[in-house]
Amino acid sequence: MQRSPALITRAALRLVNAGVLVVNAGSRVRPLIPYVDLQGEPGLDITRNDALRRDVVERVVDNGLVLGENLGRSFRALIIGESIPAGTTTAMAFLVAMGYDAWHKMSSASPTNPRELKISVVKRALERAGVSKALDDPILAVSKVGDPVIPAMASIAIGAARAESHVILAGGTQMGAVLAFIKAFDKSALSRLAIATTRWLINDKSADLIGLVKEVYPIPVVSSNLNFDDMPYEGLRAFEEGFVKEGVGAGGSLVAASIMGFDLGRVKMAILRDYEELLKTLRVQGM
């Protein structure tokens, strides 16, 4: 938690007084807070099994479209973020299955990107699934080698776009997979999309979000220049060393704060305040 981008998201959203809606796409452990359930299921090990049954993916998409349309009628803009383990690996597998060159473009939450491991996993998964040529069905590609977050984010975004809301996909290279799903499922939604991320992700030399987006479909990509070099805590300075980089909608929340007129200095103070509150809580709990 001391290195979680959730700290950044929480502080930025509190500044702009934005509402938050938690959506469960298929978590094995159910949230202990109010949430909307898309009736998904946890994705399986794609080297051994299909990720999800097709009917589960279709159910997630149907529910996501309804949710997105309802949110889109209520709000002029939505920021959609995600949090999923191993998401860059399943995103790579989905993109390659759909015919995109994602082999050396995916990022990592670690300072050293285990690209060769990811590539090995994806090759094994595609061979197991019998995917030898590009698929044109995004639901099939997800069911074979993807994860539940891809269709969940994509369908919510499509639904919101159909209701004439603007959508920011908040995240890193996984957003390339979400973008590819949207392009294949409903290309008309693309005109209302943008991607927002952090400078840590953009500066990751082991990945290439910009190149990936250009290959899939060139929508706007923006990033925040938040820098933690001068932060007084190692847990925050670790972001500058390549840890975490993005997640839980951090980049999108930072961009939203900037749009609403909050400069980075004020955002950093809010993050620092929340971080110190967290440390106090951990001390009280003896952690």
C-alpha atoms as a PDB file:
ATOM      1  CA  MET A   1       0.000   0.000   0.000  1.00  0.00           C
ATOM      2  CA  GLN A   2       2.896   2.369   0.704  1.00  0.00           C
ATOM      3  CA  ARG A   3       3.778   2.261  -2.999  1.00  0.00           C
ATOM      4  CA  SER A   4       0.271   2.005  -4.370  1.00  0.00           C
ATOM      5  CA  PRO A   5      -0.925   4.423  -7.065  1.00  0.00           C
ATOM      6  CA  ALA A   6      -4.240   4.324  -5.189  1.00  0.00           C
ATOM      7  CA  LEU A   7      -2.700   6.983  -2.923  1.00  0.00           C
ATOM      8  CA  ILE A   8      -2.316   9.285  -5.920  1.00  0.00           C
ATOM      9  CA  THR A   9      -5.813   8.570  -7.210  1.00  0.00           C
ATOM     10  CA  ARG A  10      -7.423   9.120  -3.813  1.00  0.00           C
ATOM     11  CA  ALA A  11      -5.716  12.454  -3.223  1.00  0.00           C
ATOM     12  CA  ALA A  12      -6.404  13.793  -6.727  1.00  0.00           C
ATOM     13  CA  LEU A  13     -10.059  12.784  -6.718  1.00  0.00           C
ATOM     14  CA  ARG A  14     -10.606  14.304  -3.286  1.00  0.00           C
ATOM     15  CA  LEU A  15      -9.207  17.591  -4.589  1.00  0.00           C
ATOM     16  CA  VAL A  16     -11.620  17.720  -7.525  1.00  0.00           C
ATOM     17  CA  ASN A  17     -14.488  16.364  -5.409  1.00  0.00           C
ATOM     18  CA  ALA A  18     -15.187  13.639  -7.950  1.00  0.00           C
ATOM     19  CA  GLY A  19     -17.514  10.737  -7.342  1.00  0.00           C
ATOM     20  CA  VAL A  20     -16.148   7.194  -7.369  1.00  0.00           C
ATOM     21  CA  LEU A  21     -17.968   4.042  -8.442  1.00  0.00           C
ATOM     22  CA  VAL A  22     -16.308   0.664  -7.863  1.00  0.00           C
ATOM     23  CA  VAL A  23     -17.082  -1.935 -10.530  1.00  0.00           C
ATOM     24  CA  ASN A  24     -16.328  -5.624 -10.097  1.00  0.00           C
ATOM     25  CA  ALA A  25     -15.429  -7.239 -13.421  1.00  0.00           C
ATOM     26  CA  GLY A  26     -14.597 -10.648 -11.931  1.00  0.00           C
ATOM     27  CA  SER A  27     -12.615 -10.381  -8.722  1.00  0.00           C
ATOM     28  CA  ARG A  28     -12.165 -13.603  -6.770  1.00  0.00           C
ATOM     29  CA  VAL A  29     -12.319 -11.608  -3.516  1.00  0.00           C
ATOM     30  CA  ARG A  30     -15.432  -9.442  -3.375  1.00  0.00           C
ATOM     31  CA  PRO A  31     -15.002  -5.805  -2.282  1.00  0.00           C
ATOM     32  CA  LEU A  32     -16.108  -4.966   1.246  1.00  0.00           C
ATOM     33  CA  ILE A  33     -17.593  -1.675   0.040  1.00  0.00           C
ATOM     34  CA  PRO A  34     -20.597  -0.877  -2.171  1.00  0.00           C
ATOM     35  CA  TYR A  35     -19.925  -1.807  -5.799  1.00  0.00           C
ATOM     36  CA  VAL A  36     -21.558  -2.590  -9.129  1.00  0.00           C
ATOM     37  CA  ASP A  37     -21.135  -6.201 -10.222  1.00  0.00           C
ATOM     38  CA  LEU A  38     -20.872  -6.959 -13.948  1.00  0.00           C
ATOM     39  CA  GLN A  39     -21.323 -10.676 -13.154  1.00  0.00           C
ATOM     40  CA  GLY A  40     -17.899 -11.622 -14.439  1.00  0.00           C
ATOM     41  CA  GLU A  41     -15.589 -14.359 -13.206  1.00  0.00           C
ATOM     42  CA  PRO A  42     -11.860 -14.488 -12.383  1.00  0.00           C
ATOM     43  CA  GLY A  43      -9.675 -15.112 -15.405  1.00  0.00           C
ATOM     44  CA  LEU A  44      -7.861 -18.452 -15.467  1.00  0.00           C
ATOM     45  CA  ASP A  45      -4.222 -19.306 -16.249  1.00  0.00           C
ATOM     46  CA  ILE A  46      -4.094 -18.726 -20.000  1.00  0.00           C
ATOM     47  CA  THR A  47      -1.204 -21.171 -20.460  1.00  0.00           C
ATOM     48  CA  ARG A  48      -3.433 -24.007 -19.237  1.00  0.00           C
ATOM     49  CA  ASN A  49      -7.038 -22.966 -19.885  1.00  0.00           C
ATOM     50  CA  ASP A  50      -9.175 -20.541 -21.794  1.00  0.00           C
ATOM     51  CA  ALA A  51      -9.305 -17.342 -19.757  1.00  0.00           C
ATOM     52  CA  LEU A  52     -13.099 -17.185 -19.540  1.00  0.00           C
ATOM     53  CA  ARG A  53     -16.146 -18.869 -21.021  1.00  0.00           C
ATOM     54  CA  ARG A  54     -17.587 -16.951 -23.945  1.00  0.00           C
ATOM     55  CA  ASP A  55     -20.948 -16.541 -22.224  1.00  0.00           C
ATOM     56  CA  VAL A  56     -19.208 -14.909 -19.249  1.00  0.00           C
ATOM     57  CA  VAL A  57     -17.469 -12.392 -21.520  1.00  0.00           C
ATOM     58  CA  GLU A  58     -20.755 -11.661 -23.287  1.00  0.00           C
ATOM     59  CA  ARG A  59     -22.488 -11.130 -19.942  1.00  0.00           C
ATOM     60  CA  VAL A  60     -19.772  -8.709 -18.811  1.00  0.00           C
ATOM     61  CA  VAL A  61     -20.086  -6.785 -22.079  1.00  0.00           C
ATOM     62  CA  ASP A  62     -23.881  -6.615 -21.929  1.00  0.00           C
ATOM     63  CA  ASN A  63     -23.830  -5.388 -18.336  1.00  0.00           C
ATOM     64  CA  GLY A  64     -20.991  -2.975 -19.020  1.00  0.00           C
ATOM     65  CA  LEU A  65     -22.866  -1.411 -21.932  1.00  0.00           C
ATOM     66  CA  VAL A  66     -25.919  -0.795 -19.726  1.00  0.00           C
ATOM     67  CA  LEU A  67     -23.790   0.684 -16.955  1.00  0.00           C
ATOM     68  CA  GLY A  68     -21.854   2.883 -19.364  1.00  0.00           C
ATOM     69  CA  GLU A  69     -24.998   4.184 -21.054  1.00  0.00           C
ATOM     70  CA  ASN A  70     -26.557   5.082 -17.715  1.00  0.00           C
ATOM     71  CA  LEU A  71     -23.406   6.810 -16.485  1.00  0.00           C
ATOM     72  CA  GLY A  72     -23.061   8.581 -19.816  1.00  0.00           C
ATOM     73  CA  ARG A  73     -26.532  10.060 -19.493  1.00  0.00           C
ATOM     74  CA  SER A  74     -25.625  11.479 -16.086  1.00  0.00           C
ATOM     75  CA  PHE A  75     -22.082  12.737 -16.656  1.00  0.00           C
ATOM     76  CA  ARG A  76     -20.402  14.627 -19.487  1.00  0.00           C
ATOM     77  CA  ALA A  77     -17.119  12.811 -18.881  1.00  0.00           C
ATOM     78  CA  LEU A  78     -15.999   9.553 -17.268  1.00  0.00           C
ATOM     79  CA  ILE A  79     -12.578   8.379 -16.117  1.00  0.00           C
ATOM     80  CA  ILE A  80     -12.254   4.591 -16.161  1.00  0.00           C
ATOM     81  CA  GLY A  81      -9.307   2.999 -14.360  1.00  0.00           C
ATOM     82  CA  GLU A  82      -8.411  -0.563 -13.467  1.00  0.00           C
ATOM     83  CA  SER A  83      -6.465  -2.800 -11.134  1.00  0.00           C
ATOM     84  CA  ILE A  84      -5.684  -6.387 -12.060  1.00  0.00           C
ATOM     85  CA  PRO A  85      -2.735  -8.717 -11.400  1.00  0.00           C
ATOM     86  CA  ALA A  86      -0.723  -9.781 -14.465  1.00  0.00           C
ATOM     87  CA  GLY A  87      -2.844  -7.475 -16.610  1.00  0.00           C
ATOM     88  CA  THR A  88      -0.033  -6.476 -18.962  1.00  0.00           C
ATOM     89  CA  THR A  89       0.575 -10.124 -19.841  1.00  0.00           C
ATOM     90  CA  THR A  90      -3.047 -10.907 -20.685  1.00  0.00           C
ATOM     91  CA  ALA A  91      -3.292  -7.564 -22.498  1.00  0.00           C
ATOM     92  CA  MET A  92      -0.298  -8.550 -24.623  1.00  0.00           C
ATOM     93  CA  ALA A  93      -1.857 -11.943 -25.352  1.00  0.00           C
ATOM     94  CA  PHE A  94      -5.165 -10.348 -26.370  1.00  0.00           C
ATOM     95  CA  LEU A  95      -3.455  -7.778 -28.612  1.00  0.00           C
ATOM     96  CA  VAL A  96      -1.320 -10.387 -30.366  1.00  0.00           C
ATOM     97  CA  ALA A  97      -4.378 -12.611 -30.818  1.00  0.00           C
ATOM     98  CA  MET A  98      -6.095  -9.655 -32.490  1.00  0.00           C
ATOM     99  CA  GLY A  99      -3.164  -9.202 -34.869  1.00  0.00           C
ATOM    100  CA  TYR A 100      -1.209  -6.369 -33.224  1.00  0.00           C
ATOM    101  CA  ASP A 101       2.530  -6.242 -32.582  1.00  0.00           C
ATOM    102  CA  ALA A 102       2.530  -5.900 -28.808  1.00  0.00           C
ATOM    103  CA  TRP A 103       5.508  -8.159 -28.125  1.00  0.00           C
ATOM    104  CA  HIS A 104       7.902  -5.479 -26.873  1.00  0.00           C
ATOM    105  CA  LYS A 105       5.492  -2.696 -25.987  1.00  0.00           C
ATOM    106  CA  MET A 106       3.965  -3.716 -22.639  1.00  0.00           C
ATOM    107  CA  SER A 107       5.041  -2.103 -19.371  1.00  0.00           C
ATOM    108  CA  SER A 108       5.630  -3.578 -15.925  1.00  0.00           C
ATOM    109  CA  ALA A 109       5.049  -2.557 -12.316  1.00  0.00           C
ATOM    110  CA  SER A 110       8.680  -3.479 -11.585  1.00  0.00           C
ATOM    111  CA  PRO A 111      11.807  -1.427 -12.348  1.00  0.00           C
ATOM    112  CA  THR A 112      13.050  -4.351 -14.459  1.00  0.00           C
ATOM    113  CA  ASN A 113      10.436  -5.389 -16.999  1.00  0.00           C
ATOM    114  CA  PRO A 114      10.312  -9.209 -17.307  1.00  0.00           C
ATOM    115  CA  ARG A 115       9.527  -8.986 -21.014  1.00  0.00           C
ATOM    116  CA  GLU A 116      10.972 -12.341 -22.001  1.00  0.00           C
ATOM    117  CA  LEU A 117       8.883 -14.077 -19.337  1.00  0.00           C
ATOM    118  CA  LYS A 118       5.731 -12.349 -20.573  1.00  0.00           C
ATOM    119  CA  ILE A 119       6.523 -13.229 -24.181  1.00  0.00           C
ATOM    120  CA  SER A 120       7.081 -16.857 -23.208  1.00  0.00           C
ATOM    121  CA  VAL A 121       3.740 -16.974 -21.382  1.00  0.00           C
ATOM    122  CA  VAL A 122       1.900 -15.386 -24.297  1.00  0.00           C
ATOM    123  CA  LYS A 123       3.445 -17.746 -26.856  1.00  0.00           C
ATOM    124  CA  ARG A 124       2.481 -20.756 -24.752  1.00  0.00           C
ATOM    125  CA  ALA A 125      -1.039 -19.391 -24.279  1.00  0.00           C
ATOM    126  CA  LEU A 126      -1.575 -18.729 -27.985  1.00  0.00           C
ATOM    127  CA  GLU A 127      -0.283 -22.184 -28.894  1.00  0.00           C
ATOM    128  CA  ARG A 128      -2.541 -23.829 -26.311  1.00  0.00           C
ATOM    129  CA  ALA A 129      -5.545 -21.833 -27.559  1.00  0.00           C
ATOM    130  CA  GLY A 130      -4.818 -22.730 -31.169  1.00  0.00           C
ATOM    131  CA  VAL A 131      -4.537 -19.071 -32.210  1.00  0.00           C
ATOM    132  CA  SER A 132      -2.216 -19.139 -35.222  1.00  0.00           C
ATOM    133  CA  LYS A 133      -3.636 -16.160 -37.102  1.00  0.00           C
ATOM    134  CA  ALA A 134      -5.269 -12.865 -36.166  1.00  0.00           C
ATOM    135  CA  LEU A 135      -8.783 -13.093 -34.795  1.00  0.00           C
ATOM    136  CA  ASP A 136     -11.479 -10.588 -35.743  1.00  0.00           C
ATOM    137  CA  ASP A 137     -13.763 -11.351 -32.794  1.00  0.00           C
ATOM    138  CA  PRO A 138     -12.723  -9.515 -29.611  1.00  0.00           C
ATOM    139  CA  ILE A 139     -15.032 -11.592 -27.417  1.00  0.00           C
ATOM    140  CA  LEU A 140     -13.417 -14.782 -28.681  1.00  0.00           C
ATOM    141  CA  ALA A 141      -9.924 -13.331 -28.173  1.00  0.00           C
ATOM    142  CA  VAL A 142     -10.732 -12.353 -24.567  1.00  0.00           C
ATOM    143  CA  SER A 143     -12.273 -15.727 -23.814  1.00  0.00           C
ATOM    144  CA  LYS A 144      -9.182 -17.500 -25.136  1.00  0.00           C
ATOM    145  CA  VAL A 145      -6.276 -15.466 -23.736  1.00  0.00           C
ATOM    146  CA  GLY A 146      -7.560 -12.241 -22.127  1.00  0.00           C
ATOM    147  CA  ASP A 147      -8.982 -11.231 -18.775  1.00  0.00           C
ATOM    148  CA  PRO A 148     -12.327  -9.838 -17.515  1.00  0.00           C
ATOM    149  CA  VAL A 149     -11.067  -6.268 -17.155  1.00  0.00           C
ATOM    150  CA  ILE A 150     -10.588  -5.763 -20.896  1.00  0.00           C
ATOM    151  CA  PRO A 151     -14.255  -6.278 -21.899  1.00  0.00           C
ATOM    152  CA  ALA A 152     -15.467  -4.544 -18.729  1.00  0.00           C
ATOM    153  CA  MET A 153     -13.585  -1.311 -19.385  1.00  0.00           C
ATOM    154  CA  ALA A 154     -14.283  -1.424 -23.104  1.00  0.00           C
ATOM    155  CA  SER A 155     -18.024  -1.969 -22.755  1.00  0.00           C
ATOM    156  CA  ILE A 156     -18.450   0.746 -20.122  1.00  0.00           C
ATOM    157  CA  ALA A 157     -16.564   3.148 -22.401  1.00  0.00           C
ATOM    158  CA  ILE A 158     -18.669   2.182 -25.428  1.00  0.00           C
ATOM    159  CA  GLY A 159     -21.902   2.583 -23.498  1.00  0.00           C
ATOM    160  CA  ALA A 160     -20.874   6.006 -22.211  1.00  0.00           C
ATOM    161  CA  ALA A 161     -19.786   7.108 -25.689  1.00  0.00           C
ATOM    162  CA  ARG A 162     -23.136   6.017 -27.124  1.00  0.00           C
ATOM    163  CA  ALA A 163     -24.748   8.334 -24.553  1.00  0.00           C
ATOM    164  CA  GLU A 164     -22.486  11.132 -25.881  1.00  0.00           C
ATOM    165  CA  SER A 165     -20.200  11.244 -22.854  1.00  0.00           C
ATOM    166  CA  HIS A 166     -16.445  11.696 -23.232  1.00  0.00           C
ATOM    167  CA  VAL A 167     -14.296   8.905 -21.812  1.00  0.00           C
ATOM    168  CA  ILE A 168     -10.760   8.890 -20.442  1.00  0.00           C
ATOM    169  CA  LEU A 169      -9.166   5.466 -20.252  1.00  0.00           C
ATOM    170  CA  ALA A 170      -6.871   5.881 -17.264  1.00  0.00           C
ATOM    171  CA  GLY A 171      -3.947   3.496 -17.283  1.00  0.00           C
ATOM    172  CA  GLY A 172      -0.837   2.235 -19.016  1.00  0.00           C
ATOM    173  CA  THR A 173      -0.196  -0.161 -21.875  1.00  0.00           C
ATOM    174  CA  GLN A 174      -3.222  -2.276 -20.922  1.00  0.00           C
ATOM    175  CA  MET A 175      -5.293   0.537 -22.381  1.00  0.00           C
ATOM    176  CA  GLY A 176      -4.005  -0.559 -25.774  1.00  0.00           C
ATOM    177  CA  ALA A 177      -5.938  -3.799 -25.323  1.00  0.00           C
ATOM    178  CA  VAL A 178      -9.068  -1.943 -24.214  1.00  0.00           C
ATOM    179  CA  LEU A 179      -8.721   0.330 -27.241  1.00  0.00           C
ATOM    180  CA  ALA A 180      -8.374  -2.673 -29.568  1.00  0.00           C
ATOM    181  CA  PHE A 181     -11.521  -4.258 -28.125  1.00  0.00           C
ATOM    182  CA  ILE A 182     -13.473  -1.021 -28.616  1.00  0.00           C
ATOM    183  CA  LYS A 183     -12.221  -0.633 -32.185  1.00  0.00           C
ATOM    184  CA  ALA A 184     -13.331  -4.168 -33.069  1.00  0.00           C
ATOM    185  CA  PHE A 185     -16.666  -3.995 -31.228  1.00  0.00           C
ATOM    186  CA  ASP A 186     -17.914  -0.458 -31.961  1.00  0.00           C
ATOM    187  CA  LYS A 187     -15.596   1.832 -33.885  1.00  0.00           C
ATOM    188  CA  SER A 188     -18.004   4.768 -33.559  1.00  0.00           C
ATOM    189  CA  ALA A 189     -17.022   5.122 -29.883  1.00  0.00           C
ATOM    190  CA  LEU A 190     -13.395   5.943 -30.721  1.00  0.00           C
ATOM    191  CA  SER A 191     -14.064   9.629 -31.400  1.00  0.00           C
ATOM    192  CA  ARG A 192     -14.975  10.190 -27.736  1.00  0.00           C
ATOM    193  CA  LEU A 193     -11.930   8.463 -26.232  1.00  0.00           C
ATOM    194  CA  ALA A 194      -8.590   9.573 -24.837  1.00  0.00           C
ATOM    195  CA  ILE A 195      -5.953   7.853 -22.710  1.00  0.00           C
ATOM    196  CA  ALA A 196      -4.437   9.474 -19.623  1.00  0.00           C
ATOM    197  CA  THR A 197      -1.379   8.127 -17.840  1.00  0.00           C
ATOM    198  CA  THR A 198       1.679   9.174 -15.821  1.00  0.00           C
ATOM    199  CA  ARG A 199       5.115  10.376 -16.903  1.00  0.00           C
ATOM    200  CA  TRP A 200       6.576   7.293 -15.224  1.00  0.00           C
ATOM    201  CA  LEU A 201       4.724   5.125 -17.724  1.00  0.00           C
ATOM    202  CA  ILE A 202       5.508   7.338 -20.707  1.00  0.00           C
ATOM    203  CA  ASN A 203       9.207   7.407 -19.740  1.00  0.00           C
ATOM    204  CA  ASP A 204       9.384   3.628 -19.374  1.00  0.00           C
ATOM    205  CA  LYS A 205      11.969   2.716 -22.026  1.00  0.00           C
ATOM    206  CA  SER A 206      11.031  -0.956 -21.809  1.00  0.00           C
ATOM    207  CA  ALA A 207       7.506  -0.212 -23.051  1.00  0.00           C
ATOM    208  CA  ASP A 208       5.838   1.843 -25.780  1.00  0.00           C
ATOM    209  CA  LEU A 209       2.314   3.028 -25.058  1.00  0.00           C
ATOM    210  CA  ILE A 210       2.451   5.755 -27.716  1.00  0.00           C
ATOM    211  CA  GLY A 211       3.570   3.341 -30.416  1.00  0.00           C
ATOM    212  CA  LEU A 212       0.952   0.817 -29.373  1.00  0.00           C
ATOM    213  CA  VAL A 213      -1.870   3.359 -29.554  1.00  0.00           C
ATOM    214  CA  LYS A 214      -0.692   4.543 -32.966  1.00  0.00           C
ATOM    215  CA  GLU A 215      -0.799   0.973 -34.210  1.00  0.00           C
ATOM    216  CA  VAL A 216      -4.257   0.202 -32.821  1.00  0.00           C
ATOM    217  CA  TYR A 217      -5.985   3.556 -33.387  1.00  0.00           C
ATOM    218  CA  PRO A 218      -4.448   7.016 -32.855  1.00  0.00           C
ATOM    219  CA  ILE A 219      -6.564   8.572 -30.111  1.00  0.00           C
ATOM    220  CA  PRO A 220      -5.125  11.356 -27.878  1.00  0.00           C
ATOM    221  CA  VAL A 221      -2.711  10.263 -25.133  1.00  0.00           C
ATOM    222  CA  VAL A 222      -1.954  12.703 -22.316  1.00  0.00           C
ATOM    223  CA  SER A 223       0.173  12.339 -19.195  1.00  0.00           C
ATOM    224  CA  SER A 224       0.813  14.143 -15.937  1.00  0.00           C
ATOM    225  CA  ASN A 225       4.317  15.398 -15.138  1.00  0.00           C
ATOM    226  CA  LEU A 226       4.055  14.576 -11.438  1.00  0.00           C
ATOM    227  CA  ASN A 227       7.530  14.065  -9.955  1.00  0.00           C
ATOM    228  CA  PHE A 228       8.361  12.624  -6.539  1.00  0.00           C
ATOM    229  CA  ASP A 229      12.122  13.287  -6.495  1.00  0.00           C
ATOM    230  CA  ASP A 230      11.763  15.794  -3.652  1.00  0.00           C
ATOM    231  CA  MET A 231       9.315  13.779  -1.544  1.00  0.00           C
ATOM    232  CA  PRO A 232      10.539  13.109   2.032  1.00  0.00           C
ATOM    233  CA  TYR A 233       9.530   9.427   2.062  1.00  0.00           C
ATOM    234  CA  GLU A 234      11.254   6.530   0.315  1.00  0.00           C
ATOM    235  CA  GLY A 235       7.904   4.910  -0.429  1.00  0.00           C
ATOM    236  CA  LEU A 236       6.957   7.866  -2.627  1.00  0.00           C
ATOM    237  CA  ARG A 237      10.403   8.399  -4.152  1.00  0.00           C
ATOM    238  CA  ALA A 238      10.253   4.754  -5.270  1.00  0.00           C
ATOM    239  CA  PHE A 239       7.972   5.844  -8.122  1.00  0.00           C
ATOM    240  CA  GLU A 240      10.991   7.653  -9.604  1.00  0.00           C
ATOM    241  CA  GLU A 241      12.923   4.363  -9.518  1.00  0.00           C
ATOM    242  CA  GLY A 242      10.383   2.635 -11.756  1.00  0.00           C
ATOM    243  CA  PHE A 243       8.166   0.953  -9.192  1.00  0.00           C
ATOM    244  CA  VAL A 244       4.440   0.709  -9.975  1.00  0.00           C
ATOM    245  CA  LYS A 245       4.303   3.624 -12.501  1.00  0.00           C
ATOM    246  CA  GLU A 246       0.518   3.550 -13.008  1.00  0.00           C
ATOM    247  CA  GLY A 247      -2.702   1.854 -11.949  1.00  0.00           C
ATOM    248  CA  VAL A 248      -6.061   2.388 -10.245  1.00  0.00           C
ATOM    249  CA  GLY A 249      -6.689   5.366 -12.526  1.00  0.00           C
ATOM    250  CA  ALA A 250      -3.746   7.417 -11.189  1.00  0.00           C
ATOM    251  CA  GLY A 251      -2.851   9.151 -14.451  1.00  0.00           C
ATOM    252  CA  GLY A 252      -6.447   9.945 -15.282  1.00  0.00           C
ATOM    253  CA  SER A 253      -7.073  11.361 -11.818  1.00  0.00           C
ATOM    254  CA  LEU A 254      -3.991  13.582 -12.087  1.00  0.00           C
ATOM    255  CA  VAL A 255      -5.062  14.851 -15.498  1.00  0.00           C
ATOM    256  CA  ALA A 256      -8.549  15.538 -14.145  1.00  0.00           C
ATOM    257  CA  ALA A 257      -7.065  17.576 -11.290  1.00  0.00           C
ATOM    258  CA  SER A 258      -5.044  19.567 -13.816  1.00  0.00           C
ATOM    259  CA  ILE A 259      -8.119  20.216 -15.978  1.00  0.00           C
ATOM    260  CA  MET A 260      -9.959  21.448 -12.883  1.00  0.00           C
ATOM    261  CA  GLY A 261      -7.197  23.992 -12.199  1.00  0.00           C
ATOM    262  CA  PHE A 262      -5.126  22.289  -9.497  1.00  0.00           C
ATOM    263  CA  ASP A 263      -1.387  22.656 -10.116  1.00  0.00           C
ATOM    264  CA  LEU A 264       0.991  19.784  -9.409  1.00  0.00           C
ATOM    265  CA  GLY A 265       2.338  21.467  -6.285  1.00  0.00           C
ATOM    266  CA  ARG A 266      -1.072  21.356  -4.669  1.00  0.00           C
ATOM    267  CA  VAL A 267      -1.651  17.790  -5.823  1.00  0.00           C
ATOM    268  CA  LYS A 268       1.678  16.713  -4.330  1.00  0.00           C
ATOM    269  CA  MET A 269       0.805  18.302  -0.994  1.00  0.00           C
ATOM    270  CA  ALA A 270      -2.495  16.422  -0.969  1.00  0.00           C
ATOM    271  CA  ILE A 271      -0.720  13.144  -1.743  1.00  0.00           C
ATOM    272  CA  LEU A 272       1.870  13.797   0.973  1.00  0.00           C
ATOM    273  CA  ARG A 273      -0.844  14.567   3.518  1.00  0.00           C
ATOM    274  CA  ASP A 274      -2.701  11.346   2.710  1.00  0.00           C
ATOM    275  CA  TYR A 275       0.549   9.367   2.790  1.00  0.00           C
ATOM    276  CA  GLU A 276       1.402  10.665   6.245  1.00  0.00           C
ATOM    277  CA  GLU A 277      -2.098   9.787   7.462  1.00  0.00           C
ATOM    278  CA  LEU A 278      -1.534   6.262   6.151  1.00  0.00           C
ATOM    279  CA  LEU A 279       1.777   5.976   7.993  1.00  0.00           C
ATOM    280  CA  LYS A 280       0.152   7.100  11.243  1.00  0.00           C
ATOM    281  CA  THR A 281      -2.572   4.488  10.812  1.00  0.00           C
ATOM    282  CA  LEU A 282      -0.008   1.758  10.193  1.00  0.00           C
ATOM    283  CA  ARG A 283       1.948   2.764  13.314  1.00  0.00           C
ATOM    284  CA  VAL A 284      -1.186   2.618  15.433  1.00  0.00           C
ATOM    285  CA  GLN A 285      -1.929  -0.823  14.057  1.00  0.00           C
ATOM    286  CA  GLY A 286       1.647  -1.912  14.726  1.00  0.00           C
ATOM    287  CA  MET A 287       2.397  -2.627  11.094  1.00  0.00           C
END
